[in-house]
N, C-alpha and C. Protein backbone atom coordinates (compact mmCIF):
# COMPACT_ATOMS: atom_id res chain seq x y z
N MET A 1 -22.99 12.96 -12.11
CA MET A 1 -24.45 13.40 -11.84
C MET A 1 -24.34 14.07 -10.12
N LYS A 2 -23.52 13.27 -9.01
CA LYS A 2 -23.55 14.14 -8.22
C LYS A 2 -23.01 15.69 -7.94
N PRO A 3 -21.73 15.86 -8.70
CA PRO A 3 -21.30 17.23 -8.39
C PRO A 3 -22.50 18.06 -8.89
N PHE A 4 -23.16 17.66 -10.16
CA PHE A 4 -24.25 18.56 -10.57
C PHE A 4 -25.50 19.12 -9.62
N LEU A 5 -25.69 17.71 -8.74
CA LEU A 5 -26.78 17.60 -7.70
C LEU A 5 -26.22 18.74 -6.69
N TYR A 6 -24.98 18.32 -6.31
CA TYR A 6 -24.31 19.23 -4.97
C TYR A 6 -24.54 20.18 -5.82
N LYS A 7 -24.17 21.17 -7.07
CA LYS A 7 -23.93 22.26 -7.04
C LYS A 7 -25.52 22.66 -7.25
N TYR A 8 -26.11 22.19 -7.90
CA TYR A 8 -27.65 22.61 -7.93
C TYR A 8 -28.06 23.09 -6.39
N GLY A 9 -27.94 22.06 -5.68
CA GLY A 9 -28.24 22.24 -4.20
C GLY A 9 -27.69 23.58 -3.60
N LEU A 10 -26.70 24.09 -3.85
CA LEU A 10 -25.96 25.22 -3.55
C LEU A 10 -26.90 26.58 -4.01
N ILE A 11 -26.85 26.17 -5.32
CA ILE A 11 -27.26 27.32 -6.10
C ILE A 11 -28.91 27.68 -5.44
N SER A 12 -29.74 26.58 -5.32
CA SER A 12 -30.77 26.69 -4.76
C SER A 12 -30.89 27.20 -3.55
N LYS A 13 -29.81 26.98 -2.46
CA LYS A 13 -30.00 27.35 -1.00
C LYS A 13 -29.58 28.90 -1.23
N GLU A 14 -28.48 29.18 -2.23
CA GLU A 14 -28.37 30.87 -2.40
C GLU A 14 -29.37 31.81 -3.13
N ILE A 15 -30.09 30.97 -3.88
CA ILE A 15 -31.75 31.92 -4.34
C ILE A 15 -32.53 31.93 -3.13
N GLU A 16 -32.83 30.87 -2.31
CA GLU A 16 -33.62 30.96 -1.04
C GLU A 16 -32.91 32.19 -0.08
N ARG A 17 -31.60 32.21 -0.11
CA ARG A 17 -31.15 33.01 1.02
C ARG A 17 -31.45 34.49 0.28
N ARG A 18 -31.16 34.69 -0.99
CA ARG A 18 -32.00 35.94 -1.76
C ARG A 18 -33.24 35.76 -1.74
N MET A 19 -34.05 35.38 -1.88
CA MET A 19 -35.47 35.53 -1.77
C MET A 19 -35.69 35.91 -0.25
N LYS A 20 -35.38 35.14 0.89
CA LYS A 20 -35.39 35.72 2.05
C LYS A 20 -35.24 36.91 2.17
N ASN A 21 -33.83 37.62 1.82
CA ASN A 21 -33.35 38.76 1.95
C ASN A 21 -34.31 39.78 1.06
N ARG A 22 -34.78 39.56 0.16
CA ARG A 22 -35.48 40.52 -0.66
C ARG A 22 -36.69 40.48 -0.07
N LYS A 23 -37.52 39.37 0.93
CA LYS A 23 -39.04 39.73 1.31
C LYS A 23 -38.23 40.46 2.45
N GLU A 24 -37.46 40.34 3.25
CA GLU A 24 -37.11 41.18 4.30
C GLU A 24 -36.89 42.36 4.05
N LEU A 25 -36.41 42.93 2.98
CA LEU A 25 -36.35 44.20 2.61
C LEU A 25 -37.41 44.84 2.18
N GLU A 26 -38.48 44.10 1.64
CA GLU A 26 -40.02 44.61 1.38
C GLU A 26 -40.49 44.73 2.63
N ILE A 27 -40.46 44.01 3.36
CA ILE A 27 -41.08 44.12 4.80
C ILE A 27 -40.88 45.45 5.26
N ASN A 28 -39.31 45.59 5.50
CA ASN A 28 -38.76 46.80 5.76
C ASN A 28 -38.95 48.01 5.16
N LEU A 29 -39.09 48.04 3.98
CA LEU A 29 -39.74 49.03 3.19
C LEU A 29 -40.98 49.48 3.39
N VAL A 30 -41.92 48.76 3.59
CA VAL A 30 -43.43 48.69 4.06
C VAL A 30 -43.41 49.55 5.36
N LYS A 31 -42.81 48.77 6.31
CA LYS A 31 -42.54 49.54 7.68
C LYS A 31 -42.35 50.91 7.23
N LYS A 32 -41.10 50.78 6.98
CA LYS A 32 -40.74 52.56 6.97
C LYS A 32 -41.92 53.35 6.42
N ALA A 33 -42.29 52.92 5.41
CA ALA A 33 -43.54 53.63 4.86
C ALA A 33 -44.70 54.05 5.72
N LYS A 34 -45.06 53.10 6.36
CA LYS A 34 -46.07 53.32 7.28
C LYS A 34 -45.66 54.38 8.66
N LYS A 35 -44.51 54.27 8.58
CA LYS A 35 -43.94 55.21 9.74
C LYS A 35 -43.91 56.39 9.34
N GLY A 36 -43.50 56.80 7.85
CA GLY A 36 -43.38 57.92 7.20
C GLY A 36 -44.80 58.39 6.78
N ASP A 37 -44.66 59.30 5.62
CA ASP A 37 -45.92 59.75 5.03
C ASP A 37 -46.81 58.63 4.72
N LYS A 38 -47.75 58.41 5.17
CA LYS A 38 -48.84 57.56 5.02
C LYS A 38 -49.77 57.99 3.62
N GLU A 39 -49.60 59.11 3.59
CA GLU A 39 -50.16 59.88 2.27
C GLU A 39 -49.79 59.49 0.85
N SER A 40 -48.17 59.46 0.85
CA SER A 40 -47.61 59.29 -0.11
C SER A 40 -47.18 57.94 -0.52
N CYS A 41 -47.12 57.29 0.77
CA CYS A 41 -46.80 55.90 0.43
C CYS A 41 -47.87 54.79 0.90
N GLN A 42 -48.95 54.27 0.22
CA GLN A 42 -49.58 54.02 0.54
C GLN A 42 -49.52 52.41 0.12
N TYR A 43 -49.54 51.31 0.90
CA TYR A 43 -49.67 49.96 0.49
C TYR A 43 -50.78 49.18 0.72
């Protein structure tokens, strides 16, 4: 049971990291869109 929990903890940490990275990417895309063409990229 312990190895499974340990593995699950690692997986959840990895997912957390990926989610954070995805959020940062989305924020960067929005910033780029706002900087660039406001007409073509509306959020």
